[in-house]
Amino acid sequence: MNRSKLPAPPAVASAGAAVHGTASIRDVAELAGVSVGTVSNVLNRPDIVRAATVERVHAAINELGFVRNDAARQLRAGRSTTIGLLVLDVRNPFFTDVARGAEDEAASDGLSVVMANSDESAEREASHLDYFETQRVLGMLISPIGDLGDRLERLRAAGTPVVLVDRTAGTRSLSSVAVDDVEGGRLAAQHVLDAGRHRLAFVGGPRELEQMRDRLAGARAAAEGVEGASVEAIATAALGFEDGRRAARALLSRPAGDRPDALLAGNDLVAIGALQVLMGEGGLRVPEDMAIVGYDDIDFASAAVVPLSSIRQPRELIGQTAVQILREEAQDPSREPRQVLFKPELVVRASTAGRGAHT
């Protein structure tokens, strides 16, 4: 998606006009020697039309290059077949995999997914929500920046199903699909604590993201049970490679004895950015001088210069489950919202050289 502006709203043609070319449904009917109603049945209910007639109508469609106007058809029916997916950062492979799972599940039911990128901007997030609402999408899958509870509940009350993705709902009135991030943060911290590390730093942000707060809380809970252990919080403006690089340079500016001996990253992109600077510019050894644990277990994690230990999330399953819940609510608006919370998994690789390594 163009990061500088919202996509232009699609043009809606008249009920009888084709989207491309000049052929209309009436032209198809005339060429096939049938009524407009018969053409409509072939397009929407071919099972009630004789096979020979279906074949003749499709031949006319192909000859004329007719493309039916689904936008107009959906407006007349008052029901779209499009799901809006709003993510925090389209550059993050985690969200790419979530979108893939959502698309696969949607396609199995004849639905499509349109993805938008908030780029961790509340203003852009609001604009995309406005756009999805004006396009009367079937429903919305949203990974929000801050608290959108009131607006999302209004959308749901107005008949637009909403499912939070990669974020717990915090209320029984909204559906959500997420991973237990408190447990994920605890797993990451406990792993390096068990390896004898005591000075931990959690690098990730912004703090408005519930996921970052939960992962930090889990790490601190693990450290509380280990004498002499601590977890320093280092906030970042976002969750990209450059944010990890900047945080690593700030750590390198400290005296060696004042640096953490383990870095817990808010996601894998931050971890890989930090890894590059710590080893390349700082000459540090990973994990000997500093162990690093990422989060999400994207494909890049195992391909890093030092394969990255990470907290795995079922990325595609999150997307699939979110679409399943949204479809259920679209079919039955009285259905009670569902909150699904998956368990994270620690994947140990060379960046921590811990016990029980697996890939």
Protein backbone atom coordinates (compact mmCIF):
# COMPACT_ATOMS: atom_id res chain seq x y z
CA MET A 1 0.00 0.00 0.00
CA ASN A 2 1.16 3.54 -0.69
CA ARG A 3 2.44 4.76 2.68
CA SER A 4 1.79 8.45 1.89
CA LYS A 5 -1.93 8.41 1.39
CA LEU A 6 -5.03 6.31 1.58
CA PRO A 7 -6.14 4.38 -1.47
CA ALA A 8 -8.62 6.17 -3.67
CA PRO A 9 -12.18 4.97 -3.14
CA PRO A 10 -13.26 2.65 -5.93
CA ALA A 11 -15.64 4.10 -8.49
CA VAL A 12 -19.15 2.70 -8.41
CA ALA A 13 -20.73 2.31 -11.81
CA SER A 14 -24.41 2.12 -12.57
CA ALA A 15 -26.22 -1.11 -11.83
CA GLY A 16 -26.15 -2.33 -15.39
CA ALA A 17 -22.73 -1.17 -16.52
CA ALA A 18 -19.55 -3.21 -16.68
CA VAL A 19 -16.50 -2.03 -14.79
CA HIS A 20 -14.21 -2.42 -17.81
CA GLY A 21 -15.24 -1.69 -21.39
CA THR A 22 -18.72 -0.70 -22.48
CA ALA A 23 -20.57 -4.02 -22.42
CA SER A 24 -23.56 -4.20 -20.09
CA ILE A 25 -25.62 -7.06 -18.76
CA ARG A 26 -28.25 -6.18 -21.38
CA ASP A 27 -25.65 -6.58 -24.14
CA VAL A 28 -24.84 -10.04 -22.81
CA ALA A 29 -28.52 -10.97 -22.72
CA GLU A 30 -29.07 -9.78 -26.28
CA LEU A 31 -26.07 -11.66 -27.67
CA ALA A 32 -26.98 -14.86 -25.81
CA GLY A 33 -30.64 -14.58 -26.80
CA VAL A 34 -31.90 -14.68 -23.22
CA SER A 35 -33.47 -12.27 -20.75
CA VAL A 36 -31.52 -10.00 -18.37
CA GLY A 37 -32.95 -12.06 -15.51
CA THR A 38 -31.47 -15.24 -16.97
CA VAL A 39 -28.02 -13.60 -17.20
CA SER A 40 -28.38 -12.54 -13.58
CA ASN A 41 -29.25 -16.10 -12.58
CA VAL A 42 -26.22 -17.45 -14.45
CA LEU A 43 -24.00 -15.02 -12.55
CA ASN A 44 -25.54 -15.56 -9.13
CA ARG A 45 -27.50 -18.84 -9.15
CA PRO A 46 -26.23 -20.97 -12.05
CA ASP A 47 -27.61 -24.14 -10.46
CA ILE A 48 -31.16 -23.15 -11.43
CA VAL A 49 -30.30 -22.54 -15.10
CA ARG A 50 -30.02 -25.21 -17.79
CA ALA A 51 -26.42 -26.15 -18.59
CA ALA A 52 -26.78 -25.23 -22.27
CA THR A 53 -28.03 -21.76 -21.35
CA VAL A 54 -25.20 -21.26 -18.84
CA GLU A 55 -22.71 -22.17 -21.56
CA ARG A 56 -24.31 -19.76 -24.04
CA VAL A 57 -24.31 -16.88 -21.54
CA HIS A 58 -20.65 -17.46 -20.62
CA ALA A 59 -19.74 -17.50 -24.30
CA ALA A 60 -21.40 -14.10 -24.70
CA ILE A 61 -19.62 -12.79 -21.59
CA ASN A 62 -16.26 -13.88 -22.96
CA GLU A 63 -16.93 -12.44 -26.41
CA LEU A 64 -18.00 -9.05 -25.04
CA GLY A 65 -15.38 -8.89 -22.28
CA PHE A 66 -18.13 -8.19 -19.75
CA VAL A 67 -17.08 -7.80 -16.07
CA ARG A 68 -19.91 -7.53 -13.60
CA ASN A 69 -19.92 -4.66 -11.15
CA ASP A 70 -19.65 -6.32 -7.75
CA ALA A 71 -19.45 -2.96 -5.99
CA ALA A 72 -22.90 -1.94 -7.19
CA ARG A 73 -24.28 -5.40 -6.51
CA GLN A 74 -23.02 -5.31 -2.94
CA LEU A 75 -24.44 -1.85 -2.36
CA ARG A 76 -27.85 -3.03 -3.51
CA ALA A 77 -27.62 -6.09 -1.28
CA GLY A 78 -26.35 -4.03 1.66
CA ARG A 79 -23.59 -6.58 2.27
CA SER A 80 -19.94 -6.50 1.21
CA THR A 81 -17.63 -9.44 0.62
CA THR A 82 -14.56 -7.46 1.70
CA ILE A 83 -12.85 -7.58 5.08
CA GLY A 84 -10.71 -4.64 6.19
CA LEU A 85 -7.42 -5.52 7.93
CA LEU A 86 -5.59 -2.68 9.68
CA VAL A 87 -2.05 -3.45 10.91
CA LEU A 88 0.57 -1.50 12.82
CA ASP A 89 3.42 -1.85 10.31
CA VAL A 90 3.06 -3.53 6.94
CA ARG A 91 6.87 -3.85 6.72
CA ASN A 92 6.91 -6.28 9.64
CA PRO A 93 6.81 -9.88 8.35
CA PHE A 94 4.73 -10.82 11.38
CA PHE A 95 1.77 -8.88 9.97
CA THR A 96 2.44 -10.20 6.47
CA ASP A 97 2.00 -13.73 7.80
CA VAL A 98 -1.13 -12.74 9.76
CA ALA A 99 -2.55 -11.26 6.55
CA ARG A 100 -1.73 -14.42 4.63
CA GLY A 101 -3.63 -16.54 7.14
CA ALA A 102 -6.57 -14.13 7.00
CA GLU A 103 -6.62 -14.17 3.19
CA ASP A 104 -6.48 -17.97 3.02
CA GLU A 105 -9.41 -18.30 5.40
CA ALA A 106 -11.42 -15.54 3.72
CA ALA A 107 -10.89 -17.02 0.25
CA SER A 108 -12.35 -20.32 1.38
CA ASP A 109 -15.66 -18.51 1.85
CA GLY A 110 -15.51 -16.29 -1.25
CA LEU A 111 -14.36 -13.24 0.72
CA SER A 112 -11.42 -10.90 0.14
CA VAL A 113 -9.13 -8.99 2.50
CA VAL A 114 -7.93 -5.40 1.99
CA MET A 115 -4.95 -4.49 4.19
CA ALA A 116 -4.15 -0.98 5.42
CA ASN A 117 -1.11 0.24 7.33
CA SER A 118 -1.42 2.64 10.28
CA ASP A 119 2.38 2.90 10.52
CA GLU A 120 1.88 3.25 14.29
CA SER A 121 0.18 6.62 13.70
CA ALA A 122 -3.09 7.32 15.49
CA GLU A 123 -4.08 9.81 12.78
CA ARG A 124 -3.56 7.32 9.97
CA GLU A 125 -5.32 4.65 12.01
CA ALA A 126 -8.41 6.85 12.32
CA SER A 127 -8.35 7.68 8.59
CA HIS A 128 -8.22 4.02 7.60
CA LEU A 129 -11.07 3.18 9.96
CA ASP A 130 -13.11 5.99 8.40
CA TYR A 131 -12.38 4.61 4.93
CA PHE A 132 -13.33 1.05 5.82
CA GLU A 133 -16.55 2.32 7.37
CA THR A 134 -17.54 4.38 4.32
CA GLN A 135 -16.85 1.35 2.08
CA ARG A 136 -19.26 -0.71 4.19
CA VAL A 137 -16.84 -3.60 4.59
CA LEU A 138 -18.19 -6.88 5.92
CA GLY A 139 -16.09 -6.43 9.04
CA MET A 140 -12.75 -5.22 10.37
CA LEU A 141 -9.66 -6.94 11.76
CA ILE A 142 -7.63 -4.39 13.70
CA SER A 143 -4.27 -4.28 15.45
CA PRO A 144 -4.76 -0.97 17.25
CA ILE A 145 -2.20 1.50 18.54
CA GLY A 146 -4.00 2.68 21.65
CA ASP A 147 -7.43 2.34 23.19
CA LEU A 148 -10.10 2.26 20.48
CA GLY A 149 -12.67 0.53 22.65
CA ASP A 150 -15.46 3.10 22.38
CA ARG A 151 -15.22 3.47 18.61
CA LEU A 152 -14.98 -0.25 17.97
CA GLU A 153 -17.96 -0.97 20.18
CA ARG A 154 -19.98 1.65 18.26
CA LEU A 155 -19.01 -0.06 15.00
CA ARG A 156 -20.12 -3.42 16.34
CA ALA A 157 -23.39 -1.96 17.64
CA ALA A 158 -24.01 -0.53 14.14
CA GLY A 159 -23.67 -3.99 12.61
CA THR A 160 -19.99 -4.08 11.58
CA PRO A 161 -18.17 -7.00 13.23
CA VAL A 162 -14.78 -6.10 14.71
CA VAL A 163 -12.02 -8.46 15.83
CA LEU A 164 -8.85 -7.26 17.55
CA VAL A 165 -5.73 -8.94 16.19
CA ASP A 166 -2.49 -9.40 18.19
CA ARG A 167 -4.16 -7.55 21.03
CA THR A 168 -6.39 -8.69 23.88
CA ALA A 169 -9.79 -7.03 24.07
CA GLY A 170 -9.76 -6.19 27.77
CA THR A 171 -13.56 -6.47 27.63
CA ARG A 172 -16.08 -9.20 26.93
CA SER A 173 -17.91 -6.96 24.48
CA LEU A 174 -15.28 -7.28 21.71
CA SER A 175 -13.72 -10.31 20.05
CA SER A 176 -9.95 -10.69 19.96
CA VAL A 177 -7.25 -13.10 18.82
CA ALA A 178 -3.86 -12.73 20.45
CA VAL A 179 -0.96 -14.48 22.13
CA ASP A 180 -0.30 -14.39 25.87
CA ASP A 181 2.39 -11.70 25.77
CA VAL A 182 2.93 -11.67 29.52
CA GLU A 183 3.85 -15.35 29.27
CA GLY A 184 5.99 -14.63 26.20
CA GLY A 185 7.99 -12.00 28.07
CA ARG A 186 8.36 -14.34 31.02
CA LEU A 187 9.63 -17.17 28.79
CA ALA A 188 12.24 -14.92 27.17
CA ALA A 189 13.52 -13.61 30.49
CA GLN A 190 13.47 -16.96 32.26
CA HIS A 191 15.55 -18.48 29.47
CA VAL A 192 18.43 -16.01 29.86
CA LEU A 193 18.13 -16.00 33.66
CA ASP A 194 18.52 -19.78 33.67
CA ALA A 195 21.71 -19.30 31.63
CA GLY A 196 23.14 -17.10 34.39
CA ARG A 197 22.33 -13.64 33.05
CA HIS A 198 21.28 -11.01 35.59
CA ARG A 199 21.34 -7.58 33.90
CA LEU A 200 18.48 -7.73 31.41
CA ALA A 201 17.26 -4.94 29.14
CA PHE A 202 13.87 -4.97 27.44
CA VAL A 203 14.12 -2.92 24.22
CA GLY A 204 10.82 -2.09 22.52
CA GLY A 205 8.05 0.42 22.11
CA PRO A 206 6.21 2.64 21.89
CA ARG A 207 4.82 2.24 25.39
CA GLU A 208 1.28 2.86 24.11
CA LEU A 209 1.32 -0.64 22.65
CA GLU A 210 -0.27 -3.09 25.03
CA GLN A 211 1.93 -5.87 23.64
CA MET A 212 5.10 -4.07 24.76
CA ARG A 213 3.75 -3.40 28.23
CA ASP A 214 2.72 -7.03 28.64
CA ARG A 215 6.05 -8.45 27.43
CA LEU A 216 7.95 -6.14 29.78
CA ALA A 217 5.67 -7.12 32.67
CA GLY A 218 6.31 -10.81 32.00
CA ALA A 219 10.07 -10.28 31.91
CA ARG A 220 10.02 -8.39 35.20
CA ALA A 221 7.88 -11.07 36.83
CA ALA A 222 10.51 -13.67 35.92
CA ALA A 223 13.36 -11.51 37.27
CA GLU A 224 11.60 -10.99 40.59
CA GLY A 225 12.25 -14.62 41.44
CA VAL A 226 16.02 -14.40 40.88
CA GLU A 227 18.28 -12.70 43.42
CA GLY A 228 20.30 -9.84 41.94
CA ALA A 229 18.41 -9.87 38.63
CA SER A 230 16.89 -6.75 37.10
CA VAL A 231 15.13 -5.70 33.90
CA GLU A 232 15.83 -2.25 32.48
CA ALA A 233 13.19 -0.84 30.13
CA ILE A 234 14.50 0.94 27.03
CA ALA A 235 11.66 2.43 25.00
CA THR A 236 11.88 2.78 21.23
CA ALA A 237 9.85 5.05 18.96
CA ALA A 238 8.75 2.10 16.83
CA LEU A 239 9.59 -1.55 16.18
CA GLY A 240 11.82 -1.55 13.11
CA PHE A 241 15.45 -2.38 12.30
CA GLU A 242 16.56 1.23 12.81
CA ASP A 243 14.98 1.35 16.27
CA GLY A 244 17.05 -1.66 17.27
CA ARG A 245 20.19 -0.10 15.81
CA ARG A 246 19.66 3.17 17.70
CA ALA A 247 19.08 1.33 20.97
CA ALA A 248 22.23 -0.74 20.45
CA ARG A 249 24.34 2.36 19.79
CA ALA A 250 23.05 3.89 23.02
CA LEU A 251 24.12 0.74 24.89
CA LEU A 252 27.55 0.80 23.27
CA SER A 253 28.05 4.37 24.50
CA ARG A 254 28.04 3.09 28.08
CA PRO A 255 31.02 1.65 29.94
CA ALA A 256 31.22 -2.11 29.41
CA GLY A 257 30.38 -2.84 33.03
CA ASP A 258 27.19 -0.76 32.78
CA ARG A 259 25.73 -2.68 29.86
CA PRO A 260 23.13 -5.45 30.11
CA ASP A 261 24.29 -9.01 29.63
CA ALA A 262 21.01 -9.97 27.92
CA LEU A 263 18.75 -8.04 25.56
CA LEU A 264 15.06 -8.93 25.24
CA ALA A 265 13.69 -7.28 22.11
CA GLY A 266 10.09 -6.19 21.53
CA ASN A 267 10.17 -8.05 18.22
CA ASP A 268 12.60 -9.75 15.85
CA LEU A 269 13.21 -6.65 13.72
CA VAL A 270 14.46 -4.73 16.75
CA ALA A 271 16.56 -7.73 17.80
CA ILE A 272 18.20 -8.11 14.37
CA GLY A 273 18.93 -4.37 14.14
CA ALA A 274 20.55 -4.46 17.58
CA LEU A 275 22.50 -7.61 16.70
CA GLN A 276 24.00 -5.96 13.61
CA VAL A 277 25.27 -2.92 15.54
CA LEU A 278 26.47 -4.75 18.63
CA MET A 279 28.58 -7.13 16.57
CA GLY A 280 29.52 -4.91 13.63
CA GLU A 281 30.15 -1.53 15.26
CA GLY A 282 30.73 -2.64 18.82
CA GLY A 283 32.73 -5.79 18.21
CA LEU A 284 30.71 -7.61 20.88
CA ARG A 285 30.34 -11.37 20.88
CA VAL A 286 26.82 -12.74 20.86
CA PRO A 287 25.92 -14.49 23.09
CA GLU A 288 29.19 -14.42 25.11
CA ASP A 289 29.09 -10.67 25.84
CA MET A 290 25.35 -10.19 25.40
CA ALA A 291 22.60 -12.72 24.77
CA ILE A 292 19.70 -11.62 22.57
CA VAL A 293 16.11 -12.89 22.39
CA GLY A 294 13.64 -11.65 19.79
CA TYR A 295 9.86 -12.00 19.55
CA ASP A 296 7.58 -13.35 16.77
CA ASP A 297 10.04 -15.85 15.22
CA ILE A 298 9.75 -14.43 11.72
CA ASP A 299 11.67 -16.19 8.94
CA PHE A 300 14.54 -13.68 9.22
CA ALA A 301 15.21 -14.81 12.81
CA SER A 302 16.76 -18.12 11.85
CA ALA A 303 18.67 -16.51 8.96
CA ALA A 304 20.43 -13.80 11.02
CA VAL A 305 24.25 -13.72 11.12
CA VAL A 306 23.85 -15.31 14.56
CA PRO A 307 20.59 -17.29 14.43
CA LEU A 308 18.18 -15.56 16.77
CA SER A 309 16.40 -17.12 19.72
CA SER A 310 12.82 -15.89 19.67
CA ILE A 311 9.32 -16.23 21.06
CA ARG A 312 7.19 -17.89 18.41
CA GLN A 313 3.63 -16.79 17.71
CA PRO A 314 1.24 -18.77 15.45
CA ARG A 315 1.08 -15.92 12.96
CA GLU A 316 -1.03 -17.40 10.17
CA LEU A 317 -3.31 -19.14 12.67
CA ILE A 318 -4.00 -15.77 14.29
CA GLY A 319 -5.21 -14.40 10.95
CA GLN A 320 -7.27 -17.50 10.15
CA THR A 321 -8.95 -17.52 13.55
CA ALA A 322 -9.76 -13.81 13.38
CA VAL A 323 -11.57 -14.26 10.05
CA GLN A 324 -13.47 -17.26 11.40
CA ILE A 325 -14.74 -15.23 14.35
CA LEU A 326 -15.60 -12.24 12.16
CA ARG A 327 -17.55 -14.46 9.75
CA GLU A 328 -19.49 -15.99 12.65
CA GLU A 329 -20.47 -12.55 13.93
CA ALA A 330 -21.42 -11.34 10.44
CA GLN A 331 -23.75 -14.31 10.03
CA ASP A 332 -25.22 -13.95 13.53
CA PRO A 333 -24.93 -10.42 14.98
CA SER A 334 -26.38 -11.63 18.27
CA ARG A 335 -23.49 -14.03 18.76
CA GLU A 336 -21.41 -13.43 21.88
CA PRO A 337 -17.89 -12.07 21.20
CA ARG A 338 -15.02 -14.53 21.59
CA GLN A 339 -11.56 -13.93 23.02
CA VAL A 340 -8.90 -16.39 21.84
CA LEU A 341 -5.50 -16.40 23.55
CA PHE A 342 -2.77 -18.62 22.12
CA LYS A 343 0.27 -19.75 24.09
CA PRO A 344 3.70 -18.56 22.92
CA GLU A 345 6.67 -20.89 22.40
CA LEU A 346 10.36 -20.30 23.09
CA VAL A 347 12.62 -21.18 20.15
CA VAL A 348 16.27 -21.38 21.21
CA ARG A 349 19.08 -20.66 18.74
CA ALA A 350 22.69 -19.49 18.82
CA SER A 351 22.03 -15.92 20.04
CA THR A 352 21.56 -17.29 23.55
CA ALA A 353 23.32 -20.67 23.27
CA GLY A 354 20.97 -21.92 25.97
CA ARG A 355 19.92 -25.37 26.97
CA GLY A 356 17.46 -27.39 24.91
CA ALA A 357 18.16 -25.64 21.61
CA HIS A 358 15.84 -26.47 18.74
CA THR A 359 14.77 -24.92 15.44
